[in-house]
Amino acid sequence: MSAEVIDVYADGACKGNPGPGGWGVRLESGTHSKELYGGEPLTTNNRMELTAVIRALEALKRPSVVRIHTDSRYVQKGITEWIRNWKRRGWRTVEKAPVKNEDLWRRLDELALRHEVEWIWVKGHAGHVGNERADRLANMGIMASPPAPTRDVSGAG
């Protein structure tokens, strides 16, 4: 693994839940930084939070020491606490229901195993510079996503 730590600031956003969503990521290592964002026309906030972290880890070219800063307890607790039991129960919750966003959790688990990751929760919208930037990027992702398809439900067509 590389000796230099990569700080990742990741955030997701949604206008409506479900609704148009975006994800944003800022990666920093020494004097280098990279920003990524994207969006989907119809999604949920939790899917965008997960997607942000996934896109950040996918952007790393080699196994690295990574500190992921997220304002999502869902992501932070999901990957550090809940996932072990989900996998043990065949991707079922304690209530025996399917785990929501299983596809993204599986991908995140696969990517996180390639790196040495520290998961850091930060309070959202509290002036944390990295988190605030990731939030702005996520909102840019919403604006960049194509609109959701519409259909006529009026019965007139």
Protein backbone atom coordinates (compact mmCIF):
# COMPACT_ATOMS: atom_id res chain seq x y z
CA MET A 1 0.00 0.00 0.00
CA SER A 2 1.17 3.53 -0.64
CA ALA A 3 2.40 5.38 2.44
CA GLU A 4 0.62 8.62 1.69
CA VAL A 5 -2.91 8.93 3.07
CA ILE A 6 -5.71 9.86 0.72
CA ASP A 7 -8.52 11.87 2.29
CA VAL A 8 -11.89 11.34 0.63
CA TYR A 9 -14.81 13.67 1.25
CA ALA A 10 -17.98 12.07 -0.08
CA ASP A 11 -21.60 13.18 -0.09
CA GLY A 12 -24.90 12.38 -1.72
CA ALA A 13 -27.94 14.56 -2.26
CA CYS A 14 -31.49 14.13 -3.48
CA LYS A 15 -34.28 16.54 -4.43
CA GLY A 16 -37.16 14.47 -3.16
CA ASN A 17 -36.54 11.00 -1.81
CA PRO A 18 -36.90 9.35 -4.26
CA GLY A 19 -36.14 12.02 -6.80
CA PRO A 20 -33.28 13.38 -8.87
CA GLY A 21 -30.04 12.70 -7.04
CA GLY A 22 -26.37 13.50 -7.15
CA TRP A 23 -23.11 12.40 -5.61
CA GLY A 24 -19.90 14.32 -5.12
CA VAL A 25 -16.37 13.40 -4.08
CA ARG A 26 -13.19 15.31 -3.32
CA LEU A 27 -9.98 13.27 -3.04
CA GLU A 28 -6.90 14.89 -1.48
CA SER A 29 -3.37 13.57 -1.10
CA GLY A 30 -0.51 15.90 -0.31
CA THR A 31 -0.68 18.75 -2.83
CA HIS A 32 -2.90 16.80 -5.24
CA SER A 33 -6.69 16.85 -5.38
CA LYS A 34 -9.38 15.51 -7.66
CA GLU A 35 -13.11 16.17 -7.75
CA LEU A 36 -15.80 13.94 -9.23
CA TYR A 37 -19.57 14.19 -9.39
CA GLY A 38 -22.53 12.67 -11.17
CA GLY A 39 -26.20 12.05 -10.80
CA GLU A 40 -29.23 9.94 -11.56
CA PRO A 41 -32.70 11.09 -12.58
CA LEU A 42 -34.61 8.96 -10.04
CA THR A 43 -32.89 7.63 -6.94
CA THR A 44 -32.68 7.94 -3.15
CA ASN A 45 -30.38 9.86 -0.87
CA ASN A 46 -28.92 6.66 0.58
CA ARG A 47 -28.06 5.34 -2.89
CA MET A 48 -26.28 8.60 -3.69
CA GLU A 49 -24.35 8.51 -0.39
CA LEU A 50 -23.16 4.98 -1.21
CA THR A 51 -22.41 5.84 -4.83
CA ALA A 52 -20.19 8.75 -3.78
CA VAL A 53 -17.94 6.48 -1.72
CA ILE A 54 -17.94 3.79 -4.42
CA ARG A 55 -16.89 6.28 -7.11
CA ALA A 56 -14.10 7.57 -4.87
CA LEU A 57 -12.69 4.09 -4.28
CA GLU A 58 -13.05 3.21 -7.96
CA ALA A 59 -10.93 6.28 -8.80
CA LEU A 60 -7.93 4.94 -6.85
CA LYS A 61 -5.41 3.30 -9.15
CA ARG A 62 -3.71 1.12 -6.52
CA PRO A 63 -4.30 -0.15 -2.98
CA SER A 64 -4.09 2.86 -0.68
CA VAL A 65 -4.45 4.12 2.86
CA VAL A 66 -7.72 6.05 2.77
CA ARG A 67 -9.66 8.18 5.24
CA ILE A 68 -13.26 8.48 4.09
CA HIS A 69 -15.15 11.43 5.56
CA THR A 70 -18.93 11.07 5.27
CA ASP A 71 -21.89 12.75 6.90
CA SER A 72 -23.94 9.59 6.38
CA ARG A 73 -24.35 7.40 9.45
CA TYR A 74 -26.01 4.93 7.06
CA VAL A 75 -22.76 4.53 5.11
CA GLN A 76 -20.40 4.72 8.10
CA LYS A 77 -22.30 2.28 10.31
CA GLY A 78 -23.37 0.08 7.41
CA ILE A 79 -19.82 -0.66 6.28
CA THR A 80 -18.23 -0.84 9.74
CA GLU A 81 -20.95 -2.56 11.77
CA TRP A 82 -24.03 -3.86 9.95
CA ILE A 83 -22.46 -5.47 6.88
CA ARG A 84 -20.95 -8.44 8.76
CA ASN A 85 -24.37 -9.57 9.94
CA TRP A 86 -26.01 -8.86 6.57
CA LYS A 87 -23.50 -11.14 4.88
CA ARG A 88 -23.85 -13.80 7.58
CA ARG A 89 -27.64 -13.76 7.12
CA GLY A 90 -27.46 -13.94 3.32
CA TRP A 91 -28.01 -10.19 2.80
CA ARG A 92 -31.06 -10.13 5.06
CA THR A 93 -31.84 -7.71 7.88
CA VAL A 94 -32.56 -8.86 11.41
CA GLU A 95 -36.25 -8.75 10.39
CA LYS A 96 -35.37 -11.16 7.52
CA ALA A 97 -36.14 -8.53 4.87
CA PRO A 98 -33.75 -8.06 1.95
CA VAL A 99 -31.06 -5.45 2.64
CA LYS A 100 -31.87 -2.24 0.79
CA ASN A 101 -29.25 -1.22 -1.77
CA GLU A 102 -27.63 -4.66 -1.63
CA ASP A 103 -26.01 -4.12 -5.04
CA LEU A 104 -24.20 -1.02 -3.81
CA TRP A 105 -23.25 -2.56 -0.45
CA ARG A 106 -21.70 -5.54 -2.25
CA ARG A 107 -19.70 -3.24 -4.53
CA LEU A 108 -18.57 -1.04 -1.64
CA ASP A 109 -17.49 -4.10 0.36
CA GLU A 110 -15.47 -5.40 -2.59
CA LEU A 111 -13.74 -2.05 -3.11
CA ALA A 112 -13.08 -1.36 0.58
CA LEU A 113 -11.27 -4.69 0.94
CA ARG A 114 -8.66 -3.49 -1.58
CA HIS A 115 -7.62 -0.59 0.66
CA GLU A 116 -6.82 0.24 4.25
CA VAL A 117 -9.86 2.39 5.05
CA GLU A 118 -10.69 4.52 8.06
CA TRP A 119 -14.36 5.59 8.12
CA ILE A 120 -14.87 9.03 9.67
CA TRP A 121 -18.31 10.47 10.33
CA VAL A 122 -18.59 14.25 10.15
CA LYS A 123 -21.62 16.35 10.96
CA GLY A 124 -23.22 17.54 7.72
CA HIS A 125 -23.82 21.23 6.99
CA ALA A 126 -21.64 22.23 9.94
CA GLY A 127 -18.92 24.15 8.14
CA HIS A 128 -16.53 21.21 7.58
CA VAL A 129 -14.67 22.42 4.46
CA GLY A 130 -14.27 19.02 2.78
CA ASN A 131 -17.85 17.97 3.50
CA GLU A 132 -19.24 21.30 2.30
CA ARG A 133 -17.33 20.93 -0.98
CA ALA A 134 -18.58 17.36 -1.45
CA ASP A 135 -22.13 18.62 -0.82
CA ARG A 136 -21.73 21.30 -3.52
CA LEU A 137 -20.39 18.67 -5.93
CA ALA A 138 -23.34 16.36 -5.15
CA ASN A 139 -25.74 19.19 -5.94
CA MET A 140 -23.86 19.81 -9.21
CA GLY A 141 -24.45 16.11 -9.91
CA ILE A 142 -28.19 16.59 -9.51
CA MET A 143 -28.12 19.43 -12.03
CA ALA A 144 -26.03 17.35 -14.47
CA SER A 145 -28.27 14.27 -14.38
CA PRO A 146 -30.76 13.77 -17.18
CA PRO A 147 -34.39 14.37 -16.23
CA ALA A 148 -36.44 11.36 -15.22
CA PRO A 149 -38.75 10.04 -17.94
CA THR A 150 -42.30 11.30 -17.58
CA ARG A 151 -45.52 9.65 -18.54
CA ASP A 152 -48.99 10.95 -19.10
CA VAL A 153 -51.20 9.85 -16.22
CA SER A 154 -54.09 12.18 -17.08
CA GLY A 155 -55.79 9.62 -19.28
CA ALA A 156 -55.74 12.09 -22.17
CA GLY A 157 -53.26 10.29 -24.32
